[in-house]
């Protein structure tokens, strides 16, 4: 069973995440940040990950702490769910278009946190959502999932489309990386023998 449940409580936020990496793409989301819920629904659906999320944060200040802590908690849950990474593909990649927008995401379950993020949003807000928070979400995720993640928005004129292609591609890349590799058996996909 490749699932995990993680709770993170701070003076700023309370976050609970439950995931099943072998799910069907079902999501139950209540982050308090509607646009983030929409993006996480894309991750679940396209990653075929069952995802439950409940968060309460200091949204009267802004959404920064809530979005970042959701990324942290999701990263911790993924790290737990993949376990020792034996028999996994390790690497995943995806290109996803949405009308004029196109994004590429590449992930390595490397055991080392690293984020390369190249997204030039065409505007600063998508509704009430500050686009800078997308990077904060992914930074929190990589720091706690211990993955290397490259995110590139290759083109796009509509900020909603740009962001959605990033999250969809992230879901599909993650799905590929955590898939079982039948040829690998129960080995760790590294010449070091550990990740």
N, C-alpha and C. Protein backbone atom coordinates (compact mmCIF):
# COMPACT_ATOMS: atom_id res chain seq x y z
N UNK A 1 0.85 -1.18 0.00
CA UNK A 1 0.00 0.00 0.00
C UNK A 1 0.89 1.23 0.00
N UNK A 2 0.82 2.02 -1.08
CA UNK A 2 1.66 3.21 -1.18
C UNK A 2 0.82 4.44 -0.86
N UNK A 3 0.55 4.56 0.43
CA UNK A 3 -0.23 5.72 0.87
C UNK A 3 0.39 6.30 2.12
N UNK A 4 -0.05 7.50 2.45
CA UNK A 4 0.48 8.18 3.63
C UNK A 4 -0.52 9.22 4.07
N UNK A 5 -0.47 9.53 5.36
CA UNK A 5 -1.25 10.63 5.91
C UNK A 5 -0.32 11.45 6.80
N UNK A 6 -0.29 12.74 6.56
CA UNK A 6 0.60 13.64 7.29
C UNK A 6 -0.21 14.83 7.78
N UNK A 7 0.03 15.20 9.03
CA UNK A 7 -0.57 16.40 9.60
C UNK A 7 0.54 17.35 10.01
N UNK A 8 0.36 18.62 9.67
CA UNK A 8 1.33 19.66 10.02
C UNK A 8 0.58 20.78 10.73
N UNK A 9 0.96 21.04 11.96
CA UNK A 9 0.34 22.11 12.73
C UNK A 9 1.39 23.14 13.14
N UNK A 10 1.14 24.39 12.78
CA UNK A 10 2.01 25.49 13.20
C UNK A 10 1.11 26.59 13.77
N UNK A 11 1.71 27.67 14.22
CA UNK A 11 0.92 28.80 14.69
C UNK A 11 0.22 29.52 13.54
N UNK A 12 0.64 29.23 12.29
CA UNK A 12 0.06 29.88 11.13
C UNK A 12 -0.94 29.01 10.37
N UNK A 13 -0.71 27.70 10.39
CA UNK A 13 -1.56 26.81 9.59
C UNK A 13 -1.76 25.46 10.29
N UNK A 14 -2.83 24.81 9.89
CA UNK A 14 -3.08 23.41 10.25
C UNK A 14 -3.43 22.71 8.93
N UNK A 15 -2.61 21.72 8.57
CA UNK A 15 -2.77 21.05 7.28
C UNK A 15 -2.78 19.54 7.49
N UNK A 16 -3.74 18.87 6.84
CA UNK A 16 -3.77 17.41 6.83
C UNK A 16 -3.85 16.95 5.38
N UNK A 17 -2.94 16.07 5.01
CA UNK A 17 -2.90 15.52 3.65
C UNK A 17 -2.91 14.01 3.74
N UNK A 18 -3.73 13.38 2.92
CA UNK A 18 -3.74 11.92 2.80
C UNK A 18 -3.65 11.61 1.31
N UNK A 19 -2.70 10.73 0.94
CA UNK A 19 -2.54 10.38 -0.48
C UNK A 19 -2.47 8.87 -0.65
N UNK A 20 -2.86 8.45 -1.84
CA UNK A 20 -2.70 7.07 -2.29
C UNK A 20 -2.11 7.16 -3.69
N UNK A 21 -0.85 6.75 -3.83
CA UNK A 21 -0.18 6.85 -5.12
C UNK A 21 -0.76 5.90 -6.16
N UNK A 22 -1.51 4.90 -5.73
CA UNK A 22 -2.11 3.93 -6.65
C UNK A 22 -3.61 4.15 -6.74
N UNK A 23 -4.02 5.39 -6.73
CA UNK A 23 -5.43 5.72 -6.75
C UNK A 23 -5.99 5.84 -8.14
N UNK A 24 -7.13 6.53 -8.22
CA UNK A 24 -7.84 6.70 -9.49
C UNK A 24 -7.97 8.17 -9.88
N UNK A 25 -7.36 9.05 -9.10
CA UNK A 25 -7.43 10.48 -9.40
C UNK A 25 -8.52 11.20 -8.65
N UNK A 26 -9.05 10.60 -7.59
CA UNK A 26 -10.10 11.23 -6.80
C UNK A 26 -9.50 12.23 -5.82
N UNK A 27 -10.12 13.39 -5.72
CA UNK A 27 -9.61 14.42 -4.81
C UNK A 27 -10.75 15.01 -3.98
N UNK A 28 -10.47 15.19 -2.70
CA UNK A 28 -11.35 15.93 -1.79
C UNK A 28 -10.49 17.04 -1.21
N UNK A 29 -10.79 18.28 -1.58
CA UNK A 29 -9.88 19.38 -1.31
C UNK A 29 -10.60 20.53 -0.60
N UNK A 30 -10.00 21.00 0.48
CA UNK A 30 -10.53 22.14 1.21
C UNK A 30 -9.35 22.93 1.78
N UNK A 31 -8.66 23.64 0.92
CA UNK A 31 -7.47 24.39 1.33
C UNK A 31 -7.81 25.79 1.84
N UNK A 32 -9.00 26.28 1.51
CA UNK A 32 -9.33 27.67 1.77
C UNK A 32 -8.85 28.60 0.68
N UNK A 33 -8.13 28.05 -0.30
CA UNK A 33 -7.62 28.82 -1.45
C UNK A 33 -8.20 28.16 -2.70
N UNK A 34 -9.34 28.65 -3.20
CA UNK A 34 -10.05 27.95 -4.28
C UNK A 34 -9.21 27.66 -5.52
N UNK A 35 -8.38 28.59 -5.95
CA UNK A 35 -7.58 28.32 -7.15
C UNK A 35 -6.57 27.21 -6.90
N UNK A 36 -5.99 27.15 -5.70
CA UNK A 36 -5.07 26.06 -5.39
C UNK A 36 -5.82 24.73 -5.39
N UNK A 37 -7.04 24.70 -4.87
CA UNK A 37 -7.83 23.47 -4.93
C UNK A 37 -8.00 23.02 -6.38
N UNK A 38 -8.26 23.96 -7.27
CA UNK A 38 -8.41 23.65 -8.69
C UNK A 38 -7.12 23.07 -9.25
N UNK A 39 -5.99 23.63 -8.88
CA UNK A 39 -4.71 23.12 -9.37
C UNK A 39 -4.40 21.73 -8.79
N UNK A 40 -4.66 21.53 -7.51
CA UNK A 40 -4.39 20.22 -6.89
C UNK A 40 -5.33 19.15 -7.43
N UNK A 41 -6.53 19.54 -7.83
CA UNK A 41 -7.43 18.60 -8.49
C UNK A 41 -6.81 18.11 -9.80
N UNK A 42 -6.11 19.01 -10.50
CA UNK A 42 -5.41 18.61 -11.74
C UNK A 42 -4.29 17.60 -11.43
N UNK A 43 -3.54 17.84 -10.35
CA UNK A 43 -2.46 16.92 -9.97
C UNK A 43 -3.03 15.54 -9.68
N UNK A 44 -4.10 15.49 -8.90
CA UNK A 44 -4.70 14.21 -8.56
C UNK A 44 -5.22 13.50 -9.81
N UNK A 45 -5.97 14.22 -10.62
CA UNK A 45 -6.61 13.61 -11.79
C UNK A 45 -5.59 13.10 -12.80
N UNK A 46 -4.61 13.93 -13.10
CA UNK A 46 -3.64 13.55 -14.13
C UNK A 46 -2.52 12.68 -13.57
N UNK A 47 -2.32 12.71 -12.26
CA UNK A 47 -1.33 11.85 -11.63
C UNK A 47 -1.90 10.53 -11.17
N UNK A 48 -3.24 10.36 -11.30
CA UNK A 48 -3.94 9.17 -10.78
C UNK A 48 -3.56 8.92 -9.32
N UNK A 49 -3.56 10.01 -8.57
CA UNK A 49 -3.28 9.98 -7.14
C UNK A 49 -4.57 10.35 -6.42
N UNK A 50 -4.99 9.54 -5.46
CA UNK A 50 -6.10 9.94 -4.61
C UNK A 50 -5.54 10.90 -3.57
N UNK A 51 -6.21 12.03 -3.41
CA UNK A 51 -5.69 13.10 -2.56
C UNK A 51 -6.81 13.68 -1.71
N UNK A 52 -6.59 13.65 -0.40
CA UNK A 52 -7.47 14.35 0.53
C UNK A 52 -6.66 15.45 1.19
N UNK A 53 -7.22 16.64 1.23
CA UNK A 53 -6.52 17.78 1.80
C UNK A 53 -7.50 18.65 2.58
N UNK A 54 -7.11 18.97 3.79
CA UNK A 54 -7.85 19.95 4.58
C UNK A 54 -6.84 20.89 5.20
N UNK A 55 -7.06 22.17 5.03
CA UNK A 55 -6.12 23.17 5.56
C UNK A 55 -6.88 24.35 6.13
N UNK A 56 -6.34 24.88 7.22
CA UNK A 56 -6.83 26.10 7.84
C UNK A 56 -5.60 26.96 8.07
N UNK A 57 -5.62 28.16 7.52
CA UNK A 57 -4.46 29.02 7.65
C UNK A 57 -4.84 30.46 7.91
N UNK A 58 -3.83 31.27 8.08
CA UNK A 58 -4.03 32.69 8.37
C UNK A 58 -4.33 33.47 7.08
N UNK A 59 -5.43 33.11 6.45
CA UNK A 59 -5.80 33.72 5.18
C UNK A 59 -6.20 35.18 5.34
N UNK A 60 -6.46 35.62 6.57
CA UNK A 60 -6.74 37.04 6.79
C UNK A 60 -5.50 37.90 6.53
N UNK A 61 -4.31 37.25 6.57
CA UNK A 61 -3.07 37.95 6.21
C UNK A 61 -2.88 37.84 4.71
N UNK A 62 -2.65 36.65 4.23
CA UNK A 62 -2.68 36.31 2.81
C UNK A 62 -2.55 34.80 2.72
N UNK A 63 -2.42 34.28 1.51
CA UNK A 63 -2.42 32.83 1.31
C UNK A 63 -1.03 32.21 1.36
N UNK A 64 0.01 33.01 1.58
CA UNK A 64 1.38 32.52 1.47
C UNK A 64 1.65 31.33 2.39
N UNK A 65 1.40 31.48 3.69
CA UNK A 65 1.71 30.41 4.63
C UNK A 65 0.92 29.15 4.33
N UNK A 66 -0.34 29.32 3.96
CA UNK A 66 -1.20 28.17 3.68
C UNK A 66 -0.69 27.41 2.46
N UNK A 67 -0.41 28.11 1.37
CA UNK A 67 0.04 27.46 0.14
C UNK A 67 1.39 26.78 0.36
N UNK A 68 2.32 27.46 0.99
CA UNK A 68 3.64 26.88 1.25
C UNK A 68 3.54 25.64 2.12
N UNK A 69 2.74 25.71 3.19
CA UNK A 69 2.63 24.58 4.11
C UNK A 69 1.90 23.40 3.49
N UNK A 70 1.01 23.66 2.56
CA UNK A 70 0.39 22.56 1.81
C UNK A 70 1.44 21.88 0.94
N UNK A 71 2.30 22.65 0.30
CA UNK A 71 3.40 22.05 -0.48
C UNK A 71 4.31 21.22 0.41
N UNK A 72 4.65 21.73 1.58
CA UNK A 72 5.50 20.99 2.52
C UNK A 72 4.84 19.68 2.93
N UNK A 73 3.58 19.74 3.31
CA UNK A 73 2.87 18.56 3.81
C UNK A 73 2.67 17.54 2.70
N UNK A 74 2.34 17.98 1.50
CA UNK A 74 2.22 17.05 0.37
C UNK A 74 3.57 16.40 0.08
N UNK A 75 4.64 17.18 0.14
CA UNK A 75 5.97 16.62 -0.06
C UNK A 75 6.30 15.55 0.96
N UNK A 76 5.98 15.79 2.22
CA UNK A 76 6.22 14.80 3.27
C UNK A 76 5.42 13.53 3.00
N UNK A 77 4.17 13.70 2.57
CA UNK A 77 3.32 12.54 2.29
C UNK A 77 3.87 11.71 1.13
N UNK A 78 4.31 12.37 0.07
CA UNK A 78 4.88 11.64 -1.07
C UNK A 78 6.14 10.90 -0.64
N UNK A 79 7.00 11.56 0.13
CA UNK A 79 8.23 10.90 0.61
C UNK A 79 7.91 9.64 1.40
N UNK A 80 6.90 9.71 2.25
CA UNK A 80 6.51 8.52 3.02
C UNK A 80 5.94 7.44 2.12
N UNK A 81 5.09 7.84 1.18
CA UNK A 81 4.39 6.87 0.34
C UNK A 81 5.32 6.11 -0.60
N UNK A 82 6.39 6.74 -1.09
CA UNK A 82 7.31 6.04 -2.00
C UNK A 82 8.27 5.13 -1.25
N UNK A 83 8.41 5.33 0.05
CA UNK A 83 9.24 4.45 0.86
C UNK A 83 10.68 4.43 0.39
N UNK A 84 11.25 3.22 0.25
CA UNK A 84 12.67 3.10 -0.13
C UNK A 84 12.90 3.22 -1.63
N UNK A 85 11.84 3.39 -2.40
CA UNK A 85 11.88 3.63 -3.85
C UNK A 85 12.34 2.43 -4.66
N UNK A 86 12.39 1.26 -4.05
CA UNK A 86 12.77 0.05 -4.79
C UNK A 86 11.75 -0.24 -5.88
N UNK A 87 12.26 -0.55 -7.07
CA UNK A 87 11.41 -0.94 -8.18
C UNK A 87 10.65 0.18 -8.86
N UNK A 88 10.95 1.43 -8.52
CA UNK A 88 10.26 2.56 -9.15
C UNK A 88 11.03 3.05 -10.37
N UNK A 89 10.32 3.74 -11.25
CA UNK A 89 10.98 4.33 -12.41
C UNK A 89 11.96 5.43 -12.02
N UNK A 90 11.70 6.14 -10.96
CA UNK A 90 12.50 7.23 -10.41
C UNK A 90 12.33 8.55 -11.18
N UNK A 91 12.44 8.52 -12.48
CA UNK A 91 12.34 9.72 -13.29
C UNK A 91 10.95 9.81 -13.94
N UNK A 92 10.48 11.03 -14.09
CA UNK A 92 9.24 11.24 -14.82
C UNK A 92 9.29 12.57 -15.53
N UNK A 93 8.57 12.65 -16.63
CA UNK A 93 8.52 13.90 -17.39
C UNK A 93 7.18 14.01 -18.10
N UNK A 94 6.78 15.23 -18.39
CA UNK A 94 5.54 15.44 -19.13
C UNK A 94 5.56 16.81 -19.78
N UNK A 95 5.01 16.86 -20.98
CA UNK A 95 4.67 18.10 -21.65
C UNK A 95 3.14 18.18 -21.67
N UNK A 96 2.59 19.30 -21.28
CA UNK A 96 1.13 19.45 -21.29
C UNK A 96 0.77 20.80 -21.92
N UNK A 97 -0.09 20.76 -22.95
CA UNK A 97 -0.59 22.00 -23.53
C UNK A 97 -1.98 22.33 -22.99
N UNK A 98 -2.33 23.57 -23.05
CA UNK A 98 -3.70 24.03 -22.84
C UNK A 98 -3.87 25.25 -23.72
N UNK A 99 -4.55 25.05 -24.83
CA UNK A 99 -4.70 26.11 -25.83
C UNK A 99 -3.32 26.65 -26.21
N UNK A 100 -3.05 27.93 -25.94
CA UNK A 100 -1.78 28.52 -26.38
C UNK A 100 -0.62 28.24 -25.44
N UNK A 101 -0.91 27.70 -24.26
CA UNK A 101 0.13 27.49 -23.24
C UNK A 101 0.70 26.08 -23.33
N UNK A 102 1.99 25.96 -23.00
CA UNK A 102 2.66 24.67 -23.01
C UNK A 102 3.71 24.67 -21.90
N UNK A 103 3.66 23.63 -21.05
CA UNK A 103 4.64 23.50 -19.98
C UNK A 103 5.27 22.12 -19.99
N UNK A 104 6.50 22.10 -19.48
CA UNK A 104 7.27 20.85 -19.33
C UNK A 104 7.68 20.73 -17.86
N UNK A 105 7.47 19.54 -17.31
CA UNK A 105 7.92 19.25 -15.94
C UNK A 105 8.69 17.95 -15.96
N UNK A 106 9.85 17.96 -15.32
CA UNK A 106 10.71 16.78 -15.19
C UNK A 106 11.03 16.58 -13.72
N UNK A 107 10.88 15.35 -13.23
CA UNK A 107 11.10 15.07 -11.81
C UNK A 107 12.04 13.88 -11.65
N UNK A 108 12.84 13.95 -10.61
CA UNK A 108 13.75 12.87 -10.23
C UNK A 108 13.56 12.63 -8.74
N UNK A 109 13.19 11.41 -8.38
CA UNK A 109 13.05 11.04 -6.96
C UNK A 109 14.44 10.80 -6.39
N UNK A 110 15.24 11.82 -6.41
CA UNK A 110 16.69 11.73 -6.20
C UNK A 110 17.11 11.61 -4.74
N UNK A 111 16.23 11.98 -3.82
CA UNK A 111 16.63 12.07 -2.43
C UNK A 111 17.32 13.38 -2.10
N UNK A 112 17.37 14.29 -3.09
CA UNK A 112 18.00 15.60 -2.90
C UNK A 112 17.03 16.68 -3.36
N UNK A 113 16.78 17.69 -2.53
CA UNK A 113 15.85 18.73 -2.95
C UNK A 113 16.48 19.70 -3.92
N UNK A 114 15.79 19.97 -5.00
CA UNK A 114 16.27 20.96 -5.97
C UNK A 114 15.12 21.41 -6.85
N UNK A 115 14.99 22.70 -7.04
CA UNK A 115 13.93 23.25 -7.88
C UNK A 115 14.53 24.20 -8.90
N UNK A 116 14.28 23.94 -10.17
CA UNK A 116 14.57 24.88 -11.26
C UNK A 116 13.22 25.29 -11.82
N UNK A 117 12.89 26.56 -11.70
CA UNK A 117 11.53 27.03 -11.97
C UNK A 117 11.59 28.22 -12.92
N UNK A 118 11.10 28.02 -14.13
CA UNK A 118 11.09 29.08 -15.15
C UNK A 118 9.67 29.28 -15.65
N UNK A 119 8.93 30.13 -14.97
CA UNK A 119 7.56 30.44 -15.37
C UNK A 119 7.41 31.96 -15.34
N UNK A 120 7.21 32.54 -16.51
CA UNK A 120 7.04 33.98 -16.64
C UNK A 120 5.55 34.26 -16.83
N UNK A 121 4.84 34.36 -15.71
CA UNK A 121 3.40 34.60 -15.79
C UNK A 121 3.11 35.94 -16.44
N UNK A 122 2.04 35.98 -17.22
CA UNK A 122 1.68 37.19 -17.96
C UNK A 122 0.98 38.22 -17.09
N UNK A 123 0.54 37.81 -15.91
CA UNK A 123 -0.02 38.77 -14.97
C UNK A 123 0.26 38.27 -13.55
N UNK A 124 0.10 39.15 -12.58
CA UNK A 124 0.50 38.86 -11.19
C UNK A 124 -0.54 38.08 -10.42
N UNK A 125 -1.79 38.11 -10.85
CA UNK A 125 -2.84 37.43 -10.11
C UNK A 125 -3.73 36.67 -11.07
N UNK A 126 -4.21 35.52 -10.59
CA UNK A 126 -5.25 34.77 -11.29
C UNK A 126 -6.45 34.81 -10.35
N UNK A 127 -7.40 35.66 -10.64
CA UNK A 127 -8.46 35.93 -9.67
C UNK A 127 -7.82 36.51 -8.41
N UNK A 128 -8.02 35.85 -7.28
CA UNK A 128 -7.42 36.30 -6.01
C UNK A 128 -6.09 35.62 -5.73
N UNK A 129 -5.63 34.76 -6.61
CA UNK A 129 -4.42 33.96 -6.36
C UNK A 129 -3.18 34.69 -6.86
N UNK A 130 -2.23 34.92 -5.96
CA UNK A 130 -0.95 35.55 -6.29
C UNK A 130 -0.08 34.49 -6.97
N UNK A 131 0.32 34.71 -8.22
CA UNK A 131 1.05 33.69 -8.98
C UNK A 131 2.41 33.35 -8.36
N UNK A 132 2.97 34.24 -7.55
CA UNK A 132 4.24 33.93 -6.87
C UNK A 132 4.10 32.72 -5.96
N UNK A 133 2.88 32.45 -5.50
CA UNK A 133 2.66 31.34 -4.58
C UNK A 133 2.80 29.98 -5.24
N UNK A 134 2.69 29.91 -6.56
CA UNK A 134 2.91 28.63 -7.25
C UNK A 134 4.34 28.16 -6.99
N UNK A 135 5.29 29.06 -7.11
CA UNK A 135 6.68 28.70 -6.83
C UNK A 135 6.86 28.29 -5.36
N UNK A 136 6.22 29.01 -4.45
CA UNK A 136 6.34 28.67 -3.02
C UNK A 136 5.79 27.28 -2.74
N UNK A 137 4.70 26.91 -3.41
CA UNK A 137 4.15 25.57 -3.27
C UNK A 137 5.18 24.52 -3.70
N UNK A 138 5.75 24.71 -4.88
CA UNK A 138 6.70 23.72 -5.40
C UNK A 138 7.99 23.70 -4.59
N UNK A 139 8.44 24.85 -4.09
CA UNK A 139 9.64 24.86 -3.25
C UNK A 139 9.40 24.07 -1.97
N UNK A 140 8.26 24.28 -1.35
CA UNK A 140 7.92 23.51 -0.16
C UNK A 140 7.85 22.03 -0.45
N UNK A 141 7.27 21.69 -1.61
CA UNK A 141 7.16 20.27 -2.00
C UNK A 141 8.52 19.63 -2.16
N UNK A 142 9.41 20.25 -2.95
CA UNK A 142 10.70 19.60 -3.22
C UNK A 142 11.56 19.51 -1.97
N UNK A 143 11.47 20.50 -1.09
CA UNK A 143 12.28 20.47 0.12
C UNK A 143 11.92 19.31 1.03
N UNK A 144 10.67 18.86 0.97
CA UNK A 144 10.22 17.82 1.89
C UNK A 144 9.96 16.48 1.21
N UNK A 145 9.74 16.47 -0.09
CA UNK A 145 9.67 15.21 -0.82
C UNK A 145 11.06 14.71 -1.17
N UNK A 146 12.05 15.60 -1.08
CA UNK A 146 13.44 15.31 -1.44
C UNK A 146 13.53 14.84 -2.89
N UNK A 147 13.03 15.69 -3.78
CA UNK A 147 13.07 15.42 -5.21
C UNK A 147 13.74 16.58 -5.92
N UNK A 148 14.23 16.31 -7.12
CA UNK A 148 14.69 17.36 -8.03
C UNK A 148 13.56 17.60 -9.02
N UNK A 149 13.19 18.86 -9.21
CA UNK A 149 12.03 19.20 -10.02
C UNK A 149 12.39 20.36 -10.94
N UNK A 150 12.22 20.15 -12.24
CA UNK A 150 12.42 21.21 -13.23
C UNK A 150 11.06 21.55 -13.83
N UNK A 151 10.70 22.81 -13.74
CA UNK A 151 9.42 23.29 -14.25
C UNK A 151 9.70 24.41 -15.24
N UNK A 152 9.22 24.24 -16.46
CA UNK A 152 9.39 25.25 -17.49
C UNK A 152 8.07 25.49 -18.21
N UNK A 153 7.59 26.73 -18.16
CA UNK A 153 6.48 27.12 -19.01
C UNK A 153 7.10 27.60 -20.32
N UNK A 154 6.89 26.86 -21.36
CA UNK A 154 7.56 27.13 -22.63
C UNK A 154 6.88 28.25 -23.42
N UNK A 155 5.57 28.39 -23.23
CA UNK A 155 4.85 29.50 -23.87
C UNK A 155 3.49 29.63 -23.23
N UNK A 156 2.90 30.79 -23.41
CA UNK A 156 1.56 31.02 -22.90
C UNK A 156 1.27 32.50 -22.78
N UNK A 157 0.03 32.87 -23.07
CA UNK A 157 -0.41 34.25 -22.96
C UNK A 157 -1.42 34.44 -21.84
N UNK A 158 -2.06 33.36 -21.41
CA UNK A 158 -3.08 33.41 -20.38
C UNK A 158 -2.52 32.80 -19.11
N UNK A 159 -2.45 33.57 -18.03
CA UNK A 159 -1.82 33.10 -16.80
C UNK A 159 -2.51 31.87 -16.22
N UNK A 160 -3.84 31.81 -16.33
CA UNK A 160 -4.55 30.62 -15.86
C UNK A 160 -4.10 29.39 -16.64
N UNK A 161 -4.01 29.51 -17.93
CA UNK A 161 -3.55 28.40 -18.77
C UNK A 161 -2.11 28.02 -18.42
N UNK A 162 -1.26 29.02 -18.24
CA UNK A 162 0.14 28.74 -17.88
C UNK A 162 0.21 27.91 -16.60
N UNK A 163 -0.48 28.37 -15.58
CA UNK A 163 -0.43 27.69 -14.28
C UNK A 163 -1.04 26.29 -14.37
N UNK A 164 -2.14 26.17 -15.06
CA UNK A 164 -2.79 24.87 -15.16
C UNK A 164 -1.93 23.86 -15.90
N UNK A 165 -1.23 24.29 -16.95
CA UNK A 165 -0.36 23.34 -17.65
C UNK A 165 0.79 22.89 -16.74
N UNK A 166 1.28 23.78 -15.89
CA UNK A 166 2.35 23.41 -14.95
C UNK A 166 1.86 22.33 -13.99
N UNK A 167 0.70 22.54 -13.38
CA UNK A 167 0.21 21.58 -12.39
C UNK A 167 -0.20 20.25 -13.05
N UNK A 168 -0.79 20.30 -14.23
CA UNK A 168 -1.13 19.05 -14.93
C UNK A 168 0.14 18.28 -15.29
N UNK A 169 1.14 18.97 -15.81
CA UNK A 169 2.39 18.31 -16.17
C UNK A 169 3.08 17.75 -14.92
N UNK A 170 3.01 18.47 -13.81
CA UNK A 170 3.57 17.97 -12.56
C UNK A 170 2.88 16.66 -12.16
N UNK A 171 1.58 16.61 -12.24
CA UNK A 171 0.85 15.39 -11.91
C UNK A 171 1.26 14.22 -12.79
N UNK A 172 1.37 14.46 -14.08
CA UNK A 172 1.72 13.38 -15.00
C UNK A 172 3.18 12.94 -14.82
N UNK A 173 4.08 13.88 -14.56
CA UNK A 173 5.48 13.53 -14.33
C UNK A 173 5.64 12.72 -13.04
N UNK A 174 4.93 13.14 -12.01
CA UNK A 174 4.98 12.42 -10.73
C UNK A 174 4.43 11.01 -10.91
N UNK A 175 3.35 10.90 -11.64
CA UNK A 175 2.76 9.57 -11.92
C UNK A 175 3.78 8.65 -12.58
N UNK A 176 4.50 9.15 -13.55
CA UNK A 176 5.50 8.34 -14.23
C UNK A 176 6.63 7.94 -13.29
N UNK A 177 7.10 8.88 -12.49
CA UNK A 177 8.24 8.61 -11.61
C UNK A 177 7.94 7.57 -10.54
N UNK A 178 6.70 7.54 -10.04
CA UNK A 178 6.36 6.60 -8.96
C UNK A 178 5.83 5.28 -9.47
N UNK A 179 5.71 5.12 -10.79
CA UNK A 179 5.25 3.84 -11.34
C UNK A 179 6.27 2.75 -11.10
N UNK A 180 5.76 1.55 -10.92
CA UNK A 180 6.64 0.39 -10.80
C UNK A 180 7.29 0.10 -12.14
N UNK A 181 8.57 -0.25 -12.11
CA UNK A 181 9.31 -0.63 -13.30
C UNK A 181 9.52 -2.14 -13.23
N UNK A 182 8.78 -2.88 -14.03
CA UNK A 182 8.80 -4.34 -13.94
C UNK A 182 10.19 -4.91 -14.22
N UNK A 183 10.99 -4.25 -15.01
CA UNK A 183 12.33 -4.75 -15.31
C UNK A 183 13.30 -4.52 -14.17
N UNK A 184 12.98 -3.55 -13.29
CA UNK A 184 13.89 -3.23 -12.19
C UNK A 184 13.75 -4.19 -11.01
N UNK A 185 12.63 -4.89 -10.96
CA UNK A 185 12.42 -5.80 -9.83
C UNK A 185 12.35 -5.02 -8.53
N UNK A 186 13.14 -5.46 -7.56
CA UNK A 186 13.11 -4.78 -6.25
C UNK A 186 14.40 -4.01 -5.99
N UNK A 187 15.06 -3.58 -7.06
CA UNK A 187 16.29 -2.83 -6.89
C UNK A 187 15.99 -1.34 -6.78
N UNK A 188 16.87 -0.62 -6.15
CA UNK A 188 16.78 0.83 -6.08
C UNK A 188 17.37 1.39 -7.37
N UNK A 189 16.69 2.31 -8.05
CA UNK A 189 17.18 2.82 -9.33
C UNK A 189 18.32 3.81 -9.16
N UNK A 190 19.45 3.32 -8.65
CA UNK A 190 20.64 4.15 -8.47
C UNK A 190 21.86 3.25 -8.35
N UNK A 191 22.96 3.65 -8.94
CA UNK A 191 24.20 2.88 -8.79
C UNK A 191 24.74 2.96 -7.37
N UNK A 192 24.25 3.94 -6.59
CA UNK A 192 24.68 4.03 -5.18
C UNK A 192 23.97 3.00 -4.32
N UNK A 193 22.85 2.46 -4.82
CA UNK A 193 22.10 1.48 -4.04
C UNK A 193 21.11 2.11 -3.08
N UNK A 194 21.04 3.41 -3.06
CA UNK A 194 20.09 4.11 -2.19
C UNK A 194 19.76 5.46 -2.80
N UNK A 195 18.59 5.95 -2.46
CA UNK A 195 18.16 7.28 -2.90
C UNK A 195 17.68 8.05 -1.68
